[in-house]
Amino acid sequence: MPTEISGSTGVNKIQSNAIEHGDLPTGSVLQVLNVVMTTPTAAAIEGWYDITPLVLAITPSSSSSKILVQANVFGGVSNAGWLVAIRIKRGSTVVGATTGLTNNTSGFSWMTQNTYGGKTMSTSFLDSPSTTSATTYQVQYGGPNTSVTTYIGREGDTAAWGAAPTLTLMEIAG
């Protein structure tokens, strides 16, 4: 006996060769974007500065979607006992925890450096941008003052490449 399939059974979705985002359960990963920094940098800075290659724009498929932002940045500083930090911005707004750029400050993603060797700073944040427009996320680093060189992606003066800094965005169904 032949089997009859009609559109009322939901099988008609096969005809479009696509499963729609709306068909996936809450918590499903809808899209993933990633960028990797390929050239290390060094600068004597005071304040927050963009890590230029670590910027991505994502267009959420729904205003109820969440964006999981993950950044891993290998870095170091030239003088013992100083601190450097990373943070995430959505457009011009800092998302997640932030803190000042002073010694002995507790906060998020702080790294203290006593030699030229580097360390990896990591941060993640589950953002709710509540939009279906393109949304840009940028990784920034903060340096203590202009007498201290901040190294991103390398181990200080040696110019030895450390771990490649990355920025990853994941849209999560809301």
C-alpha atoms as a PDB file:
ATOM      1  CA  MET A   1       0.000   0.000   0.000  1.00  0.00           C
ATOM      2  CA  PRO A   2       1.547   3.406  -0.957  1.00  0.00           C
ATOM      3  CA  THR A   3       2.230   6.029   1.724  1.00  0.00           C
ATOM      4  CA  GLU A   4       0.691   9.436   1.156  1.00  0.00           C
ATOM      5  CA  ILE A   5       2.514  12.501   2.519  1.00  0.00           C
ATOM      6  CA  SER A   6       0.760  15.845   2.628  1.00  0.00           C
ATOM      7  CA  GLY A   7       1.906  19.354   3.617  1.00  0.00           C
ATOM      8  CA  SER A   8      -0.230  19.192   6.759  1.00  0.00           C
ATOM      9  CA  THR A   9       2.199  16.650   8.259  1.00  0.00           C
ATOM     10  CA  GLY A  10       5.054  19.133   8.249  1.00  0.00           C
ATOM     11  CA  VAL A  11       6.961  17.236   5.589  1.00  0.00           C
ATOM     12  CA  ASN A  12       6.532  20.127   3.145  1.00  0.00           C
ATOM     13  CA  LYS A  13       9.629  21.761   4.756  1.00  0.00           C
ATOM     14  CA  ILE A  14      11.753  19.195   2.928  1.00  0.00           C
ATOM     15  CA  GLN A  15      10.733  20.765  -0.389  1.00  0.00           C
ATOM     16  CA  SER A  16      12.573  24.021   0.403  1.00  0.00           C
ATOM     17  CA  ASN A  17      15.780  22.078   1.236  1.00  0.00           C
ATOM     18  CA  ALA A  18      16.123  24.056   4.476  1.00  0.00           C
ATOM     19  CA  ILE A  19      15.289  23.822   8.129  1.00  0.00           C
ATOM     20  CA  GLU A  20      14.279  27.252   9.330  1.00  0.00           C
ATOM     21  CA  HIS A  21      15.916  28.805  12.435  1.00  0.00           C
ATOM     22  CA  GLY A  22      12.483  29.038  14.023  1.00  0.00           C
ATOM     23  CA  ASP A  23      12.305  25.240  13.976  1.00  0.00           C
ATOM     24  CA  LEU A  24      15.313  24.840  16.267  1.00  0.00           C
ATOM     25  CA  PRO A  25      14.828  24.636  20.052  1.00  0.00           C
ATOM     26  CA  THR A  26      15.909  27.350  22.497  1.00  0.00           C
ATOM     27  CA  GLY A  27      19.632  27.087  23.190  1.00  0.00           C
ATOM     28  CA  SER A  28      20.550  25.880  19.702  1.00  0.00           C
ATOM     29  CA  VAL A  29      23.596  27.428  18.080  1.00  0.00           C
ATOM     30  CA  LEU A  30      22.369  29.229  14.961  1.00  0.00           C
ATOM     31  CA  GLN A  31      25.625  30.672  13.625  1.00  0.00           C
ATOM     32  CA  VAL A  32      29.285  30.930  14.592  1.00  0.00           C
ATOM     33  CA  LEU A  33      31.780  33.609  13.530  1.00  0.00           C
ATOM     34  CA  ASN A  34      35.478  33.617  14.373  1.00  0.00           C
ATOM     35  CA  VAL A  35      38.498  35.819  13.676  1.00  0.00           C
ATOM     36  CA  VAL A  36      42.150  35.114  14.481  1.00  0.00           C
ATOM     37  CA  MET A  37      44.851  37.758  14.839  1.00  0.00           C
ATOM     38  CA  THR A  38      47.821  36.818  12.649  1.00  0.00           C
ATOM     39  CA  THR A  39      50.309  39.610  13.390  1.00  0.00           C
ATOM     40  CA  PRO A  40      51.510  40.424  16.920  1.00  0.00           C
ATOM     41  CA  THR A  41      51.623  44.035  18.081  1.00  0.00           C
ATOM     42  CA  ALA A  42      53.290  46.167  20.752  1.00  0.00           C
ATOM     43  CA  ALA A  43      52.422  49.641  22.029  1.00  0.00           C
ATOM     44  CA  ALA A  44      53.106  51.857  25.020  1.00  0.00           C
ATOM     45  CA  ILE A  45      49.579  52.925  25.917  1.00  0.00           C
ATOM     46  CA  GLU A  46      47.534  54.265  28.787  1.00  0.00           C
ATOM     47  CA  GLY A  47      43.830  53.488  28.638  1.00  0.00           C
ATOM     48  CA  TRP A  48      41.715  51.221  26.419  1.00  0.00           C
ATOM     49  CA  TYR A  49      42.551  50.532  22.765  1.00  0.00           C
ATOM     50  CA  ASP A  50      41.042  48.360  20.051  1.00  0.00           C
ATOM     51  CA  ILE A  51      42.795  45.164  19.052  1.00  0.00           C
ATOM     52  CA  THR A  52      42.115  46.044  15.434  1.00  0.00           C
ATOM     53  CA  PRO A  53      41.761  42.594  13.872  1.00  0.00           C
ATOM     54  CA  LEU A  54      39.543  41.304  16.709  1.00  0.00           C
ATOM     55  CA  VAL A  55      36.250  42.798  15.544  1.00  0.00           C
ATOM     56  CA  LEU A  56      33.220  40.975  14.131  1.00  0.00           C
ATOM     57  CA  ALA A  57      29.694  41.933  13.058  1.00  0.00           C
ATOM     58  CA  ILE A  58      26.876  39.434  13.477  1.00  0.00           C
ATOM     59  CA  THR A  59      23.261  39.756  12.327  1.00  0.00           C
ATOM     60  CA  PRO A  60      20.961  37.880  14.731  1.00  0.00           C
ATOM     61  CA  SER A  61      18.132  35.977  13.069  1.00  0.00           C
ATOM     62  CA  SER A  62      15.731  36.895  15.889  1.00  0.00           C
ATOM     63  CA  SER A  63      15.507  39.701  18.446  1.00  0.00           C
ATOM     64  CA  SER A  64      15.229  37.030  21.156  1.00  0.00           C
ATOM     65  CA  SER A  65      18.606  35.503  20.231  1.00  0.00           C
ATOM     66  CA  LYS A  66      21.545  35.738  22.587  1.00  0.00           C
ATOM     67  CA  ILE A  67      25.151  36.251  21.448  1.00  0.00           C
ATOM     68  CA  LEU A  68      27.894  34.337  23.238  1.00  0.00           C
ATOM     69  CA  VAL A  69      31.076  36.400  22.936  1.00  0.00           C
ATOM     70  CA  GLN A  70      34.412  34.693  23.686  1.00  0.00           C
ATOM     71  CA  ALA A  71      37.836  36.330  23.495  1.00  0.00           C
ATOM     72  CA  ASN A  72      41.263  34.819  24.158  1.00  0.00           C
ATOM     73  CA  VAL A  73      44.237  37.169  23.988  1.00  0.00           C
ATOM     74  CA  PHE A  74      47.853  36.184  24.594  1.00  0.00           C
ATOM     75  CA  GLY A  75      49.877  39.123  25.866  1.00  0.00           C
ATOM     76  CA  GLY A  76      52.450  40.529  28.225  1.00  0.00           C
ATOM     77  CA  VAL A  77      53.994  43.758  29.481  1.00  0.00           C
ATOM     78  CA  SER A  78      57.550  45.089  29.567  1.00  0.00           C
ATOM     79  CA  ASN A  79      57.814  46.039  33.246  1.00  0.00           C
ATOM     80  CA  ALA A  80      57.393  43.771  36.262  1.00  0.00           C
ATOM     81  CA  GLY A  81      54.308  44.119  38.422  1.00  0.00           C
ATOM     82  CA  TRP A  82      52.078  45.981  35.954  1.00  0.00           C
ATOM     83  CA  LEU A  83      48.646  44.889  34.821  1.00  0.00           C
ATOM     84  CA  VAL A  84      46.978  44.737  31.441  1.00  0.00           C
ATOM     85  CA  ALA A  85      43.358  43.823  30.700  1.00  0.00           C
ATOM     86  CA  ILE A  86      40.957  42.945  27.911  1.00  0.00           C
ATOM     87  CA  ARG A  87      37.275  43.787  27.574  1.00  0.00           C
ATOM     88  CA  ILE A  88      34.479  43.512  24.999  1.00  0.00           C
ATOM     89  CA  LYS A  89      32.485  46.328  23.426  1.00  0.00           C
ATOM     90  CA  ARG A  90      29.195  46.052  21.536  1.00  0.00           C
ATOM     91  CA  GLY A  91      29.219  49.133  19.343  1.00  0.00           C
ATOM     92  CA  SER A  92      30.249  51.878  21.764  1.00  0.00           C
ATOM     93  CA  THR A  93      28.938  50.068  24.872  1.00  0.00           C
ATOM     94  CA  VAL A  94      31.178  47.946  27.095  1.00  0.00           C
ATOM     95  CA  VAL A  95      29.469  44.607  27.810  1.00  0.00           C
ATOM     96  CA  GLY A  96      30.375  42.368  30.718  1.00  0.00           C
ATOM     97  CA  ALA A  97      32.400  43.529  33.703  1.00  0.00           C
ATOM     98  CA  THR A  98      34.849  46.424  33.462  1.00  0.00           C
ATOM     99  CA  THR A  99      37.453  47.835  35.775  1.00  0.00           C
ATOM    100  CA  GLY A 100      40.035  50.616  36.022  1.00  0.00           C
ATOM    101  CA  LEU A 101      43.624  50.355  34.896  1.00  0.00           C
ATOM    102  CA  THR A 102      45.482  50.518  38.186  1.00  0.00           C
ATOM    103  CA  ASN A 103      47.810  48.164  39.976  1.00  0.00           C
ATOM    104  CA  ASN A 104      46.298  45.767  42.571  1.00  0.00           C
ATOM    105  CA  THR A 105      42.777  46.151  41.178  1.00  0.00           C
ATOM    106  CA  SER A 106      40.524  43.113  41.125  1.00  0.00           C
ATOM    107  CA  GLY A 107      38.319  42.767  38.101  1.00  0.00           C
ATOM    108  CA  PHE A 108      37.866  40.618  35.055  1.00  0.00           C
ATOM    109  CA  SER A 109      40.509  39.241  32.688  1.00  0.00           C
ATOM    110  CA  TRP A 110      43.400  40.926  34.436  1.00  0.00           C
ATOM    111  CA  MET A 111      46.886  39.593  33.882  1.00  0.00           C
ATOM    112  CA  THR A 112      49.919  40.514  35.931  1.00  0.00           C
ATOM    113  CA  GLN A 113      53.322  40.083  34.370  1.00  0.00           C
ATOM    114  CA  ASN A 114      56.613  39.793  36.228  1.00  0.00           C
ATOM    115  CA  THR A 115      58.827  38.915  33.245  1.00  0.00           C
ATOM    116  CA  TYR A 116      58.624  39.188  29.487  1.00  0.00           C
ATOM    117  CA  GLY A 117      56.870  35.823  29.200  1.00  0.00           C
ATOM    118  CA  GLY A 118      53.231  36.092  28.243  1.00  0.00           C
ATOM    119  CA  LYS A 119      49.925  34.802  29.534  1.00  0.00           C
ATOM    120  CA  THR A 120      46.527  34.218  27.975  1.00  0.00           C
ATOM    121  CA  MET A 121      43.677  36.468  29.083  1.00  0.00           C
ATOM    122  CA  SER A 122      40.181  35.106  28.432  1.00  0.00           C
ATOM    123  CA  THR A 123      36.722  36.521  28.815  1.00  0.00           C
ATOM    124  CA  SER A 124      33.235  35.467  27.751  1.00  0.00           C
ATOM    125  CA  PHE A 125      29.859  37.122  27.988  1.00  0.00           C
ATOM    126  CA  LEU A 126      26.323  36.091  27.017  1.00  0.00           C
ATOM    127  CA  ASP A 127      24.823  39.234  25.485  1.00  0.00           C
ATOM    128  CA  SER A 128      21.179  40.043  24.697  1.00  0.00           C
ATOM    129  CA  PRO A 129      21.355  42.689  21.951  1.00  0.00           C
ATOM    130  CA  SER A 130      17.553  42.451  21.278  1.00  0.00           C
ATOM    131  CA  THR A 131      17.907  43.271  17.594  1.00  0.00           C
ATOM    132  CA  THR A 132      17.974  41.735  14.132  1.00  0.00           C
ATOM    133  CA  SER A 133      20.342  44.414  12.858  1.00  0.00           C
ATOM    134  CA  ALA A 134      24.066  43.837  12.328  1.00  0.00           C
ATOM    135  CA  THR A 135      25.792  44.122  15.707  1.00  0.00           C
ATOM    136  CA  THR A 136      29.542  44.697  16.038  1.00  0.00           C
ATOM    137  CA  TYR A 137      31.711  43.309  18.836  1.00  0.00           C
ATOM    138  CA  GLN A 138      35.268  44.552  19.437  1.00  0.00           C
ATOM    139  CA  VAL A 139      38.020  43.316  21.755  1.00  0.00           C
ATOM    140  CA  GLN A 140      39.981  46.047  23.523  1.00  0.00           C
ATOM    141  CA  TYR A 141      43.069  45.915  25.683  1.00  0.00           C
ATOM    142  CA  GLY A 142      44.054  48.280  28.430  1.00  0.00           C
ATOM    143  CA  GLY A 143      47.546  49.369  29.283  1.00  0.00           C
ATOM    144  CA  PRO A 144      48.743  50.904  32.551  1.00  0.00           C
ATOM    145  CA  ASN A 145      50.791  53.854  31.254  1.00  0.00           C
ATOM    146  CA  THR A 146      53.002  55.016  28.409  1.00  0.00           C
ATOM    147  CA  SER A 147      56.197  53.898  30.142  1.00  0.00           C
ATOM    148  CA  VAL A 148      55.102  50.238  29.928  1.00  0.00           C
ATOM    149  CA  THR A 149      54.923  48.420  26.593  1.00  0.00           C
ATOM    150  CA  THR A 150      51.904  46.159  26.169  1.00  0.00           C
ATOM    151  CA  TYR A 151      52.435  43.124  23.907  1.00  0.00           C
ATOM    152  CA  ILE A 152      49.513  41.424  22.189  1.00  0.00           C
ATOM    153  CA  GLY A 153      50.077  38.035  20.568  1.00  0.00           C
ATOM    154  CA  ARG A 154      53.734  37.833  21.528  1.00  0.00           C
ATOM    155  CA  GLU A 155      56.093  37.275  24.450  1.00  0.00           C
ATOM    156  CA  GLY A 156      57.480  40.737  25.046  1.00  0.00           C
ATOM    157  CA  ASP A 157      60.755  41.964  23.581  1.00  0.00           C
ATOM    158  CA  THR A 158      61.663  38.579  22.127  1.00  0.00           C
ATOM    159  CA  ALA A 159      59.023  39.050  19.415  1.00  0.00           C
ATOM    160  CA  ALA A 160      58.324  35.326  19.801  1.00  0.00           C
ATOM    161  CA  TRP A 161      54.794  34.555  18.650  1.00  0.00           C
ATOM    162  CA  GLY A 162      52.630  33.295  21.496  1.00  0.00           C
ATOM    163  CA  ALA A 163      49.120  31.936  21.093  1.00  0.00           C
ATOM    164  CA  ALA A 164      47.105  33.666  18.374  1.00  0.00           C
ATOM    165  CA  PRO A 165      44.442  35.987  19.867  1.00  0.00           C
ATOM    166  CA  THR A 166      40.869  35.110  18.834  1.00  0.00           C
ATOM    167  CA  LEU A 167      37.320  36.461  18.953  1.00  0.00           C
ATOM    168  CA  THR A 168      34.364  34.080  18.558  1.00  0.00           C
ATOM    169  CA  LEU A 169      30.658  34.988  18.352  1.00  0.00           C
ATOM    170  CA  MET A 170      27.855  32.423  18.602  1.00  0.00           C
ATOM    171  CA  GLU A 171      24.192  33.199  18.047  1.00  0.00           C
ATOM    172  CA  ILE A 172      22.086  31.151  20.484  1.00  0.00           C
ATOM    173  CA  ALA A 173      18.361  30.665  19.827  1.00  0.00           C
ATOM    174  CA  GLY A 174      16.273  32.472  22.433  1.00  0.00           C
END
